[in-house]
Protein backbone atom coordinates (compact mmCIF):
# COMPACT_ATOMS: atom_id res chain seq x y z
CA MET A 1 3.53 174.09 108.51
CA THR A 2 6.60 172.67 108.78
CA GLU A 3 8.60 172.22 106.27
CA THR A 4 9.87 168.16 105.80
CA ALA A 5 12.71 166.37 104.51
CA ASN A 6 10.40 165.64 100.87
CA ASP A 7 9.62 169.38 100.62
CA LEU A 8 13.17 170.28 100.31
CA PRO A 9 14.46 169.25 96.92
CA LEU A 10 10.70 170.15 95.34
CA LYS A 11 11.54 173.71 96.18
CA CYS A 12 15.47 174.07 95.10
CA THR A 13 14.56 171.59 92.18
CA VAL A 14 11.57 174.96 91.38
CA LEU A 15 14.36 177.24 91.55
CA ALA A 16 17.14 175.41 90.01
CA LYS A 17 14.25 174.92 87.07
CA THR A 18 13.40 178.58 87.16
CA GLY A 19 17.15 178.98 86.86
CA ALA A 20 18.53 179.70 90.17
CA ASP A 21 22.14 178.33 90.51
CA PHE A 22 23.73 176.72 93.48
CA PRO A 23 24.69 179.52 95.22
CA THR A 24 21.99 180.61 94.76
CA VAL A 25 19.07 178.06 95.92
CA TRP A 26 22.40 177.50 99.00
CA GLY A 27 21.70 181.35 100.50
CA ASN A 28 18.24 181.91 99.82
CA VAL A 29 17.05 177.87 100.57
CA LEU A 30 19.81 175.61 102.30
CA LYS A 31 21.89 177.62 104.65
CA GLY A 32 20.97 178.27 107.92
CA HIS A 33 17.19 175.64 107.33
CA ALA A 34 17.10 173.78 110.18
CA LEU A 35 16.89 170.40 108.35
CA VAL A 36 20.66 170.99 107.09
CA ALA A 37 23.15 169.66 109.16
CA GLY A 38 26.23 171.95 106.72
CA PRO A 39 28.63 172.55 104.39
CA PRO A 40 27.19 171.30 100.88
CA ALA A 41 30.56 168.64 100.03
CA GLN A 42 30.81 166.92 96.28
CA ILE A 43 30.78 163.60 96.17
CA LEU A 44 30.74 161.48 92.83
CA ASP A 45 28.08 159.25 91.89
CA ASP A 46 27.56 155.53 90.57
CA GLN A 47 28.62 156.68 86.94
CA MET A 48 31.95 158.86 88.75
CA ARG A 49 30.13 162.51 87.51
CA PRO A 50 30.22 165.26 91.14
CA GLN A 51 27.33 165.90 91.95
CA LEU A 52 26.02 168.38 95.74
CA GLU A 53 25.89 166.37 99.11
CA ILE A 54 24.03 168.34 101.33
CA GLY A 55 23.49 166.24 104.76
CA LEU A 56 20.46 166.60 106.31
CA ILE A 57 19.56 166.33 110.47
CA ASN A 58 17.70 162.73 109.99
CA GLY A 59 20.35 161.36 108.84
CA GLN A 60 19.02 161.30 105.58
CA ARG A 61 20.88 163.87 102.59
CA LEU A 62 20.08 165.84 100.15
CA ILE A 63 21.62 166.00 96.92
CA TYR A 64 21.64 167.87 93.81
CA ASN A 65 22.70 166.59 90.18
CA SER A 66 23.72 169.60 87.93
CA ALA A 67 22.98 168.21 85.28
CA TYR A 68 19.86 167.71 85.39
CA LYS A 69 18.95 170.87 87.57
CA GLU A 70 17.61 168.42 90.49
CA TYR A 71 17.55 167.85 94.14
CA PHE A 72 17.08 164.59 95.59
CA VAL A 73 16.95 162.71 98.81
CA LEU A 74 18.67 159.88 99.48
CA GLY A 75 18.38 157.51 102.77
CA ALA A 76 15.61 156.50 104.93
CA PRO A 77 15.32 158.57 107.68
CA ARG A 78 15.90 157.85 111.39
């Protein structure tokens, strides 16, 4: 079964909630994944808090919120 962009945040969040830091999730799940378009970039959310953003090949963005150890997808797929 092929993973979708909606599967990625679930998989990554489970790892983060069980103690995996971002470099571990990046190296074990995201880096080289068929849906990932490139390396992470640091961005600021609406409250000026830093987050990590990973572009996906379908135009969506996978966001890591380190304060809550959660990943989520933004943007509509193309």
